[in-house]
mmCIF file of all heavy atoms, coordinates in Angstrom:
data_MODEL
# 
_entry.id   MODEL 
# 
loop_
_atom_site.group_PDB 
_atom_site.id 
_atom_site.type_symbol 
_atom_site.label_atom_id 
_atom_site.label_alt_id 
_atom_site.label_comp_id 
_atom_site.label_asym_id 
_atom_site.label_entity_id 
_atom_site.label_seq_id 
_atom_site.pdbx_PDB_ins_code 
_atom_site.Cartn_x 
_atom_site.Cartn_y 
_atom_site.Cartn_z 
_atom_site.occupancy 
_atom_site.B_iso_or_equiv 
_atom_site.pdbx_formal_charge 
_atom_site.auth_seq_id 
_atom_site.auth_comp_id 
_atom_site.auth_asym_id 
_atom_site.auth_atom_id 
_atom_site.pdbx_PDB_model_num 
ATOM 1   N N   . SER A 1 1  ? 3.807   -8.857  28.974 1.00 0.00 ? 1  SER A N   1 
ATOM 2   C CA  . SER A 1 1  ? 4.206   -8.050  30.080 1.00 0.00 ? 1  SER A CA  1 
ATOM 3   C C   . SER A 1 1  ? 4.622   -8.974  31.309 1.00 0.00 ? 1  SER A C   1 
ATOM 4   O O   . SER A 1 1  ? 5.418   -8.571  32.062 1.00 0.00 ? 1  SER A O   1 
ATOM 5   C CB  . SER A 1 1  ? 3.224   -7.012  30.575 1.00 0.00 ? 1  SER A CB  1 
ATOM 6   O OG  . SER A 1 1  ? 2.019   -7.618  30.941 1.00 0.00 ? 1  SER A OG  1 
ATOM 7   N N   . THR A 1 2  ? 3.905   -10.087 31.413 1.00 0.00 ? 2  THR A N   1 
ATOM 8   C CA  . THR A 1 2  ? 4.213   -10.972 32.660 1.00 0.00 ? 2  THR A CA  1 
ATOM 9   C C   . THR A 1 2  ? 4.737   -12.470 32.287 1.00 0.00 ? 2  THR A C   1 
ATOM 10  O O   . THR A 1 2  ? 5.282   -12.992 33.167 1.00 0.00 ? 2  THR A O   1 
ATOM 11  C CB  . THR A 1 2  ? 2.966   -11.171 33.352 1.00 0.00 ? 2  THR A CB  1 
ATOM 12  O OG1 . THR A 1 2  ? 2.001   -11.984 32.478 1.00 0.00 ? 2  THR A OG1 1 
ATOM 13  C CG2 . THR A 1 2  ? 2.278   -9.938  33.757 1.00 0.00 ? 2  THR A CG2 1 
ATOM 14  N N   . GLY A 1 3  ? 4.754   -12.828 31.027 1.00 0.00 ? 3  GLY A N   1 
ATOM 15  C CA  . GLY A 1 3  ? 5.162   -14.197 30.707 1.00 0.00 ? 3  GLY A CA  1 
ATOM 16  C C   . GLY A 1 3  ? 3.977   -15.222 31.020 1.00 0.00 ? 3  GLY A C   1 
ATOM 17  O O   . GLY A 1 3  ? 4.251   -16.411 30.742 1.00 0.00 ? 3  GLY A O   1 
ATOM 18  N N   . ARG A 1 4  ? 2.838   -14.776 31.538 1.00 0.00 ? 4  ARG A N   1 
ATOM 19  C CA  . ARG A 1 4  ? 1.842   -15.779 32.015 1.00 0.00 ? 4  ARG A CA  1 
ATOM 20  C C   . ARG A 1 4  ? 1.278   -16.354 30.857 1.00 0.00 ? 4  ARG A C   1 
ATOM 21  O O   . ARG A 1 4  ? 0.887   -15.730 29.853 1.00 0.00 ? 4  ARG A O   1 
ATOM 22  C CB  . ARG A 1 4  ? 0.890   -15.044 32.918 1.00 0.00 ? 4  ARG A CB  1 
ATOM 23  C CG  . ARG A 1 4  ? -0.289  -15.880 33.461 1.00 0.00 ? 4  ARG A CG  1 
ATOM 24  C CD  . ARG A 1 4  ? -1.259  -14.999 34.327 1.00 0.00 ? 4  ARG A CD  1 
ATOM 25  N NE  . ARG A 1 4  ? -1.430  -13.677 33.785 1.00 0.00 ? 4  ARG A NE  1 
ATOM 26  C CZ  . ARG A 1 4  ? -2.429  -13.362 32.812 1.00 0.00 ? 4  ARG A CZ  1 
ATOM 27  N NH1 . ARG A 1 4  ? -3.243  -14.234 32.477 1.00 0.00 ? 4  ARG A NH1 1 
ATOM 28  N NH2 . ARG A 1 4  ? -2.571  -12.074 32.667 1.00 0.00 ? 4  ARG A NH2 1 
ATOM 29  N N   . GLU A 1 5  ? 1.046   -17.730 31.000 1.00 0.00 ? 5  GLU A N   1 
ATOM 30  C CA  . GLU A 1 5  ? 0.323   -18.357 29.852 1.00 0.00 ? 5  GLU A CA  1 
ATOM 31  C C   . GLU A 1 5  ? -1.174  -18.319 30.055 1.00 0.00 ? 5  GLU A C   1 
ATOM 32  O O   . GLU A 1 5  ? -1.713  -18.596 31.187 1.00 0.00 ? 5  GLU A O   1 
ATOM 33  C CB  . GLU A 1 5  ? 0.711   -19.781 29.678 1.00 0.00 ? 5  GLU A CB  1 
ATOM 34  C CG  . GLU A 1 5  ? 0.207   -20.609 28.594 1.00 0.00 ? 5  GLU A CG  1 
ATOM 35  C CD  . GLU A 1 5  ? 0.537   -21.969 28.424 1.00 0.00 ? 5  GLU A CD  1 
ATOM 36  O OE1 . GLU A 1 5  ? 1.330   -22.521 29.237 1.00 0.00 ? 5  GLU A OE1 1 
ATOM 37  O OE2 . GLU A 1 5  ? 0.233   -22.628 27.423 1.00 0.00 ? 5  GLU A OE2 1 
ATOM 38  N N   . GLU A 1 6  ? -1.865  -17.963 29.103 1.00 0.00 ? 6  GLU A N   1 
ATOM 39  C CA  . GLU A 1 6  ? -3.426  -18.037 28.955 1.00 0.00 ? 6  GLU A CA  1 
ATOM 40  C C   . GLU A 1 6  ? -3.614  -19.480 28.351 1.00 0.00 ? 6  GLU A C   1 
ATOM 41  O O   . GLU A 1 6  ? -3.052  -19.785 27.395 1.00 0.00 ? 6  GLU A O   1 
ATOM 42  C CB  . GLU A 1 6  ? -3.964  -16.902 28.256 1.00 0.00 ? 6  GLU A CB  1 
ATOM 43  C CG  . GLU A 1 6  ? -3.930  -15.577 28.809 1.00 0.00 ? 6  GLU A CG  1 
ATOM 44  C CD  . GLU A 1 6  ? -4.985  -15.530 30.117 1.00 0.00 ? 6  GLU A CD  1 
ATOM 45  O OE1 . GLU A 1 6  ? -6.019  -16.229 30.196 1.00 0.00 ? 6  GLU A OE1 1 
ATOM 46  O OE2 . GLU A 1 6  ? -4.619  -14.702 30.881 1.00 0.00 ? 6  GLU A OE2 1 
ATOM 47  N N   . LYS A 1 7  ? -4.733  -20.081 28.873 1.00 0.00 ? 7  LYS A N   1 
ATOM 48  C CA  . LYS A 1 7  ? -5.109  -21.416 28.286 1.00 0.00 ? 7  LYS A CA  1 
ATOM 49  C C   . LYS A 1 7  ? -6.588  -21.434 28.066 1.00 0.00 ? 7  LYS A C   1 
ATOM 50  O O   . LYS A 1 7  ? -7.312  -22.033 28.684 1.00 0.00 ? 7  LYS A O   1 
ATOM 51  C CB  . LYS A 1 7  ? -4.759  -22.456 29.386 1.00 0.00 ? 7  LYS A CB  1 
ATOM 52  C CG  . LYS A 1 7  ? -3.284  -22.514 29.648 1.00 0.00 ? 7  LYS A CG  1 
ATOM 53  C CD  . LYS A 1 7  ? -3.033  -23.651 30.631 1.00 0.00 ? 7  LYS A CD  1 
ATOM 54  C CE  . LYS A 1 7  ? -1.481  -23.792 30.916 1.00 0.00 ? 7  LYS A CE  1 
ATOM 55  N NZ  . LYS A 1 7  ? -1.050  -24.869 31.663 1.00 0.00 ? 7  LYS A NZ  1 
ATOM 56  N N   . PRO A 1 8  ? -6.947  -20.711 26.857 1.00 0.00 ? 8  PRO A N   1 
ATOM 57  C CA  . PRO A 1 8  ? -8.246  -20.743 26.400 1.00 0.00 ? 8  PRO A CA  1 
ATOM 58  C C   . PRO A 1 8  ? -8.692  -22.153 25.838 1.00 0.00 ? 8  PRO A C   1 
ATOM 59  O O   . PRO A 1 8  ? -7.931  -22.878 25.398 1.00 0.00 ? 8  PRO A O   1 
ATOM 60  C CB  . PRO A 1 8  ? -8.319  -19.556 25.401 1.00 0.00 ? 8  PRO A CB  1 
ATOM 61  C CG  . PRO A 1 8  ? -6.927  -19.736 24.720 1.00 0.00 ? 8  PRO A CG  1 
ATOM 62  C CD  . PRO A 1 8  ? -6.029  -20.036 25.865 1.00 0.00 ? 8  PRO A CD  1 
ATOM 63  N N   . SER A 1 9  ? -10.004 -22.326 25.883 1.00 0.00 ? 9  SER A N   1 
ATOM 64  C CA  . SER A 1 9  ? -10.473 -23.574 25.196 1.00 0.00 ? 9  SER A CA  1 
ATOM 65  C C   . SER A 1 9  ? -10.509 -23.293 23.675 1.00 0.00 ? 9  SER A C   1 
ATOM 66  O O   . SER A 1 9  ? -10.483 -22.161 23.218 1.00 0.00 ? 9  SER A O   1 
ATOM 67  C CB  . SER A 1 9  ? -11.839 -23.975 25.606 1.00 0.00 ? 9  SER A CB  1 
ATOM 68  O OG  . SER A 1 9  ? -12.829 -22.994 25.332 1.00 0.00 ? 9  SER A OG  1 
ATOM 69  N N   . GLY A 1 10 ? -10.440 -24.240 22.884 1.00 0.00 ? 10 GLY A N   1 
ATOM 70  C CA  . GLY A 1 10 ? -10.336 -24.160 21.428 1.00 0.00 ? 10 GLY A CA  1 
ATOM 71  C C   . GLY A 1 10 ? -9.045  -23.699 20.863 1.00 0.00 ? 10 GLY A C   1 
ATOM 72  O O   . GLY A 1 10 ? -8.953  -23.142 19.746 1.00 0.00 ? 10 GLY A O   1 
ATOM 73  N N   . ASP A 1 11 ? -7.958  -24.121 21.578 1.00 0.00 ? 11 ASP A N   1 
ATOM 74  C CA  . ASP A 1 11 ? -6.563  -23.550 21.217 1.00 0.00 ? 11 ASP A CA  1 
ATOM 75  C C   . ASP A 1 11 ? -5.923  -24.508 20.349 1.00 0.00 ? 11 ASP A C   1 
ATOM 76  O O   . ASP A 1 11 ? -4.719  -24.570 20.162 1.00 0.00 ? 11 ASP A O   1 
ATOM 77  C CB  . ASP A 1 11 ? -5.659  -23.195 22.417 1.00 0.00 ? 11 ASP A CB  1 
ATOM 78  C CG  . ASP A 1 11 ? -5.458  -24.354 23.239 1.00 0.00 ? 11 ASP A CG  1 
ATOM 79  O OD1 . ASP A 1 11 ? -6.068  -25.410 23.169 1.00 0.00 ? 11 ASP A OD1 1 
ATOM 80  O OD2 . ASP A 1 11 ? -4.596  -24.181 24.083 1.00 0.00 ? 11 ASP A OD2 1 
ATOM 81  N N   . THR A 1 12 ? -6.625  -25.424 19.547 1.00 0.00 ? 12 THR A N   1 
ATOM 82  C CA  . THR A 1 12 ? -6.151  -26.313 18.557 1.00 0.00 ? 12 THR A CA  1 
ATOM 83  C C   . THR A 1 12 ? -6.854  -26.221 17.242 1.00 0.00 ? 12 THR A C   1 
ATOM 84  O O   . THR A 1 12 ? -8.111  -26.086 17.360 1.00 0.00 ? 12 THR A O   1 
ATOM 85  C CB  . THR A 1 12 ? -6.186  -27.810 19.169 1.00 0.00 ? 12 THR A CB  1 
ATOM 86  O OG1 . THR A 1 12 ? -5.523  -27.835 20.346 1.00 0.00 ? 12 THR A OG1 1 
ATOM 87  C CG2 . THR A 1 12 ? -5.571  -28.748 18.209 1.00 0.00 ? 12 THR A CG2 1 
ATOM 88  N N   . THR A 1 13 ? -6.203  -26.214 16.196 1.00 0.00 ? 13 THR A N   1 
ATOM 89  C CA  . THR A 1 13 ? -6.822  -26.049 14.916 1.00 0.00 ? 13 THR A CA  1 
ATOM 90  C C   . THR A 1 13 ? -7.833  -27.314 14.653 1.00 0.00 ? 13 THR A C   1 
ATOM 91  O O   . THR A 1 13 ? -7.501  -28.360 15.005 1.00 0.00 ? 13 THR A O   1 
ATOM 92  C CB  . THR A 1 13 ? -6.018  -25.823 13.708 1.00 0.00 ? 13 THR A CB  1 
ATOM 93  O OG1 . THR A 1 13 ? -4.994  -26.853 13.662 1.00 0.00 ? 13 THR A OG1 1 
ATOM 94  C CG2 . THR A 1 13 ? -5.091  -24.552 13.946 1.00 0.00 ? 13 THR A CG2 1 
ATOM 95  N N   . ASP A 1 14 ? -8.966  -26.896 13.921 1.00 0.00 ? 14 ASP A N   1 
ATOM 96  C CA  . ASP A 1 14 ? -9.740  -28.038 13.487 1.00 0.00 ? 14 ASP A CA  1 
ATOM 97  C C   . ASP A 1 14 ? -9.304  -28.741 12.168 1.00 0.00 ? 14 ASP A C   1 
ATOM 98  O O   . ASP A 1 14 ? -8.261  -28.480 11.747 1.00 0.00 ? 14 ASP A O   1 
ATOM 99  C CB  . ASP A 1 14 ? -11.283 -27.488 13.335 1.00 0.00 ? 14 ASP A CB  1 
ATOM 100 C CG  . ASP A 1 14 ? -11.407 -26.532 12.126 1.00 0.00 ? 14 ASP A CG  1 
ATOM 101 O OD1 . ASP A 1 14 ? -10.597 -26.455 11.248 1.00 0.00 ? 14 ASP A OD1 1 
ATOM 102 O OD2 . ASP A 1 14 ? -12.497 -25.818 12.191 1.00 0.00 ? 14 ASP A OD2 1 
ATOM 103 N N   . ILE A 1 15 ? -10.114 -29.523 11.695 1.00 0.00 ? 15 ILE A N   1 
ATOM 104 C CA  . ILE A 1 15 ? -9.689  -30.339 10.526 1.00 0.00 ? 15 ILE A CA  1 
ATOM 105 C C   . ILE A 1 15 ? -9.452  -29.476 9.259  1.00 0.00 ? 15 ILE A C   1 
ATOM 106 O O   . ILE A 1 15 ? -8.567  -29.934 8.434  1.00 0.00 ? 15 ILE A O   1 
ATOM 107 C CB  . ILE A 1 15 ? -10.837 -31.325 10.197 1.00 0.00 ? 15 ILE A CB  1 
ATOM 108 C CG1 . ILE A 1 15 ? -10.324 -32.398 9.059  1.00 0.00 ? 15 ILE A CG1 1 
ATOM 109 C CG2 . ILE A 1 15 ? -12.027 -30.701 9.625  1.00 0.00 ? 15 ILE A CG2 1 
ATOM 110 C CD1 . ILE A 1 15 ? -9.441  -33.428 9.714  1.00 0.00 ? 15 ILE A CD1 1 
ATOM 111 N N   . ASN A 1 16 ? -9.847  -28.303 9.288  1.00 0.00 ? 16 ASN A N   1 
ATOM 112 C CA  . ASN A 1 16 ? -9.463  -27.342 8.163  1.00 0.00 ? 16 ASN A CA  1 
ATOM 113 C C   . ASN A 1 16 ? -8.422  -26.250 8.477  1.00 0.00 ? 16 ASN A C   1 
ATOM 114 O O   . ASN A 1 16 ? -8.328  -25.320 7.810  1.00 0.00 ? 16 ASN A O   1 
ATOM 115 C CB  . ASN A 1 16 ? -10.788 -26.747 7.646  1.00 0.00 ? 16 ASN A CB  1 
ATOM 116 C CG  . ASN A 1 16 ? -11.660 -27.710 7.078  1.00 0.00 ? 16 ASN A CG  1 
ATOM 117 O OD1 . ASN A 1 16 ? -11.370 -28.591 6.196  1.00 0.00 ? 16 ASN A OD1 1 
ATOM 118 N ND2 . ASN A 1 16 ? -12.950 -27.772 7.547  1.00 0.00 ? 16 ASN A ND2 1 
ATOM 119 N N   . GLY A 1 17 ? -7.923  -26.362 9.775  1.00 0.00 ? 17 GLY A N   1 
ATOM 120 C CA  . GLY A 1 17 ? -6.865  -25.417 10.162 1.00 0.00 ? 17 GLY A CA  1 
ATOM 121 C C   . GLY A 1 17 ? -7.466  -24.201 10.890 1.00 0.00 ? 17 GLY A C   1 
ATOM 122 O O   . GLY A 1 17 ? -6.625  -23.375 11.153 1.00 0.00 ? 17 GLY A O   1 
ATOM 123 N N   . PHE A 1 18 ? -8.765  -24.044 11.174 1.00 0.00 ? 18 PHE A N   1 
ATOM 124 C CA  . PHE A 1 18 ? -9.398  -22.994 11.835 1.00 0.00 ? 18 PHE A CA  1 
ATOM 125 C C   . PHE A 1 18 ? -9.209  -23.016 13.363 1.00 0.00 ? 18 PHE A C   1 
ATOM 126 O O   . PHE A 1 18 ? -9.323  -24.103 13.874 1.00 0.00 ? 18 PHE A O   1 
ATOM 127 C CB  . PHE A 1 18 ? -10.780 -22.687 11.396 1.00 0.00 ? 18 PHE A CB  1 
ATOM 128 C CG  . PHE A 1 18 ? -10.888 -22.336 9.940  1.00 0.00 ? 18 PHE A CG  1 
ATOM 129 C CD1 . PHE A 1 18 ? -11.300 -23.224 8.908  1.00 0.00 ? 18 PHE A CD1 1 
ATOM 130 C CD2 . PHE A 1 18 ? -10.849 -20.953 9.668  1.00 0.00 ? 18 PHE A CD2 1 
ATOM 131 C CE1 . PHE A 1 18 ? -11.373 -22.814 7.567  1.00 0.00 ? 18 PHE A CE1 1 
ATOM 132 C CE2 . PHE A 1 18 ? -10.855 -20.562 8.315  1.00 0.00 ? 18 PHE A CE2 1 
ATOM 133 C CZ  . PHE A 1 18 ? -11.204 -21.465 7.384  1.00 0.00 ? 18 PHE A CZ  1 
ATOM 134 N N   . TYR A 1 19 ? -9.202  -21.934 14.003 1.00 0.00 ? 19 TYR A N   1 
ATOM 135 C CA  . TYR A 1 19 ? -9.324  -21.760 15.473 1.00 0.00 ? 19 TYR A CA  1 
ATOM 136 C C   . TYR A 1 19 ? -10.087 -20.647 15.860 1.00 0.00 ? 19 TYR A C   1 
ATOM 137 O O   . TYR A 1 19 ? -10.118 -19.639 15.073 1.00 0.00 ? 19 TYR A O   1 
ATOM 138 C CB  . TYR A 1 19 ? -7.939  -21.863 16.097 1.00 0.00 ? 19 TYR A CB  1 
ATOM 139 C CG  . TYR A 1 19 ? -7.117  -20.673 15.785 1.00 0.00 ? 19 TYR A CG  1 
ATOM 140 C CD1 . TYR A 1 19 ? -7.042  -19.522 16.463 1.00 0.00 ? 19 TYR A CD1 1 
ATOM 141 C CD2 . TYR A 1 19 ? -6.232  -20.642 14.569 1.00 0.00 ? 19 TYR A CD2 1 
ATOM 142 C CE1 . TYR A 1 19 ? -6.334  -18.372 16.179 1.00 0.00 ? 19 TYR A CE1 1 
ATOM 143 C CE2 . TYR A 1 19 ? -5.511  -19.564 14.267 1.00 0.00 ? 19 TYR A CE2 1 
ATOM 144 C CZ  . TYR A 1 19 ? -5.554  -18.423 15.018 1.00 0.00 ? 19 TYR A CZ  1 
ATOM 145 O OH  . TYR A 1 19 ? -4.828  -17.412 14.648 1.00 0.00 ? 19 TYR A OH  1 
ATOM 146 N N   . SER A 1 20 ? -10.572 -20.641 16.978 1.00 0.00 ? 20 SER A N   1 
ATOM 147 C CA  . SER A 1 20 ? -11.259 -19.436 17.654 1.00 0.00 ? 20 SER A CA  1 
ATOM 148 C C   . SER A 1 20 ? -11.131 -19.588 19.098 1.00 0.00 ? 20 SER A C   1 
ATOM 149 O O   . SER A 1 20 ? -11.563 -20.499 19.740 1.00 0.00 ? 20 SER A O   1 
ATOM 150 C CB  . SER A 1 20 ? -12.688 -19.343 17.159 1.00 0.00 ? 20 SER A CB  1 
ATOM 151 O OG  . SER A 1 20 ? -13.398 -18.162 17.620 1.00 0.00 ? 20 SER A OG  1 
ATOM 152 N N   . VAL A 1 21 ? -10.541 -18.510 19.734 1.00 0.00 ? 21 VAL A N   1 
ATOM 153 C CA  . VAL A 1 21 ? -10.299 -18.459 21.193 1.00 0.00 ? 21 VAL A CA  1 
ATOM 154 C C   . VAL A 1 21 ? -10.827 -17.166 21.764 1.00 0.00 ? 21 VAL A C   1 
ATOM 155 O O   . VAL A 1 21 ? -10.875 -16.177 20.985 1.00 0.00 ? 21 VAL A O   1 
ATOM 156 C CB  . VAL A 1 21 ? -8.853  -18.748 21.547 1.00 0.00 ? 21 VAL A CB  1 
ATOM 157 C CG1 . VAL A 1 21 ? -8.394  -20.060 21.231 1.00 0.00 ? 21 VAL A CG1 1 
ATOM 158 C CG2 . VAL A 1 21 ? -7.977  -17.700 20.900 1.00 0.00 ? 21 VAL A CG2 1 
ATOM 159 N N   . ILE A 1 22 ? -11.116 -17.149 23.059 1.00 0.00 ? 22 ILE A N   1 
ATOM 160 C CA  . ILE A 1 22 ? -11.491 -16.017 23.764 1.00 0.00 ? 22 ILE A CA  1 
ATOM 161 C C   . ILE A 1 22 ? -10.479 -15.681 24.750 1.00 0.00 ? 22 ILE A C   1 
ATOM 162 O O   . ILE A 1 22 ? -10.132 -16.635 25.642 1.00 0.00 ? 22 ILE A O   1 
ATOM 163 C CB  . ILE A 1 22 ? -12.880 -16.204 24.492 1.00 0.00 ? 22 ILE A CB  1 
ATOM 164 C CG1 . ILE A 1 22 ? -13.931 -16.426 23.348 1.00 0.00 ? 22 ILE A CG1 1 
ATOM 165 C CG2 . ILE A 1 22 ? -13.251 -14.958 25.238 1.00 0.00 ? 22 ILE A CG2 1 
ATOM 166 C CD1 . ILE A 1 22 ? -15.372 -16.725 23.905 1.00 0.00 ? 22 ILE A CD1 1 
ATOM 167 N N   . LEU A 1 23 ? -9.980  -14.516 24.742 1.00 0.00 ? 23 LEU A N   1 
ATOM 168 C CA  . LEU A 1 23 ? -8.840  -14.163 25.570 1.00 0.00 ? 23 LEU A CA  1 
ATOM 169 C C   . LEU A 1 23 ? -9.099  -12.748 26.158 1.00 0.00 ? 23 LEU A C   1 
ATOM 170 O O   . LEU A 1 23 ? -9.781  -11.945 25.578 1.00 0.00 ? 23 LEU A O   1 
ATOM 171 C CB  . LEU A 1 23 ? -7.557  -14.012 24.802 1.00 0.00 ? 23 LEU A CB  1 
ATOM 172 C CG  . LEU A 1 23 ? -6.999  -15.264 24.241 1.00 0.00 ? 23 LEU A CG  1 
ATOM 173 C CD1 . LEU A 1 23 ? -5.999  -15.062 23.018 1.00 0.00 ? 23 LEU A CD1 1 
ATOM 174 C CD2 . LEU A 1 23 ? -6.307  -16.132 25.250 1.00 0.00 ? 23 LEU A CD2 1 
ATOM 175 N N   . PRO A 1 24 ? -8.483  -12.572 27.354 1.00 0.00 ? 24 PRO A N   1 
ATOM 176 C CA  . PRO A 1 24 ? -8.508  -11.071 27.880 1.00 0.00 ? 24 PRO A CA  1 
ATOM 177 C C   . PRO A 1 24 ? -7.781  -10.175 27.011 1.00 0.00 ? 24 PRO A C   1 
ATOM 178 O O   . PRO A 1 24 ? -6.818  -10.551 26.514 1.00 0.00 ? 24 PRO A O   1 
ATOM 179 C CB  . PRO A 1 24 ? -7.926  -11.317 29.227 1.00 0.00 ? 24 PRO A CB  1 
ATOM 180 C CG  . PRO A 1 24 ? -7.768  -12.714 29.676 1.00 0.00 ? 24 PRO A CG  1 
ATOM 181 C CD  . PRO A 1 24 ? -7.872  -13.553 28.302 1.00 0.00 ? 24 PRO A CD  1 
ATOM 182 N N   . PRO A 1 25 ? -8.278  -8.943  26.954 1.00 0.00 ? 25 PRO A N   1 
ATOM 183 C CA  . PRO A 1 25 ? -7.433  -7.995  26.105 1.00 0.00 ? 25 PRO A CA  1 
ATOM 184 C C   . PRO A 1 25 ? -6.087  -7.742  26.755 1.00 0.00 ? 25 PRO A C   1 
ATOM 185 O O   . PRO A 1 25 ? -5.839  -7.359  27.941 1.00 0.00 ? 25 PRO A O   1 
ATOM 186 C CB  . PRO A 1 25 ? -8.207  -6.659  26.207 1.00 0.00 ? 25 PRO A CB  1 
ATOM 187 C CG  . PRO A 1 25 ? -9.595  -7.082  26.535 1.00 0.00 ? 25 PRO A CG  1 
ATOM 188 C CD  . PRO A 1 25 ? -9.416  -8.314  27.408 1.00 0.00 ? 25 PRO A CD  1 
# 
């Protein structure tokens, strides 16, 4: 709706391709 970028920590995949981030709904 706004084009605003959210920059959560953990936004890069680990050695096995997994990621987990916390974002506002």
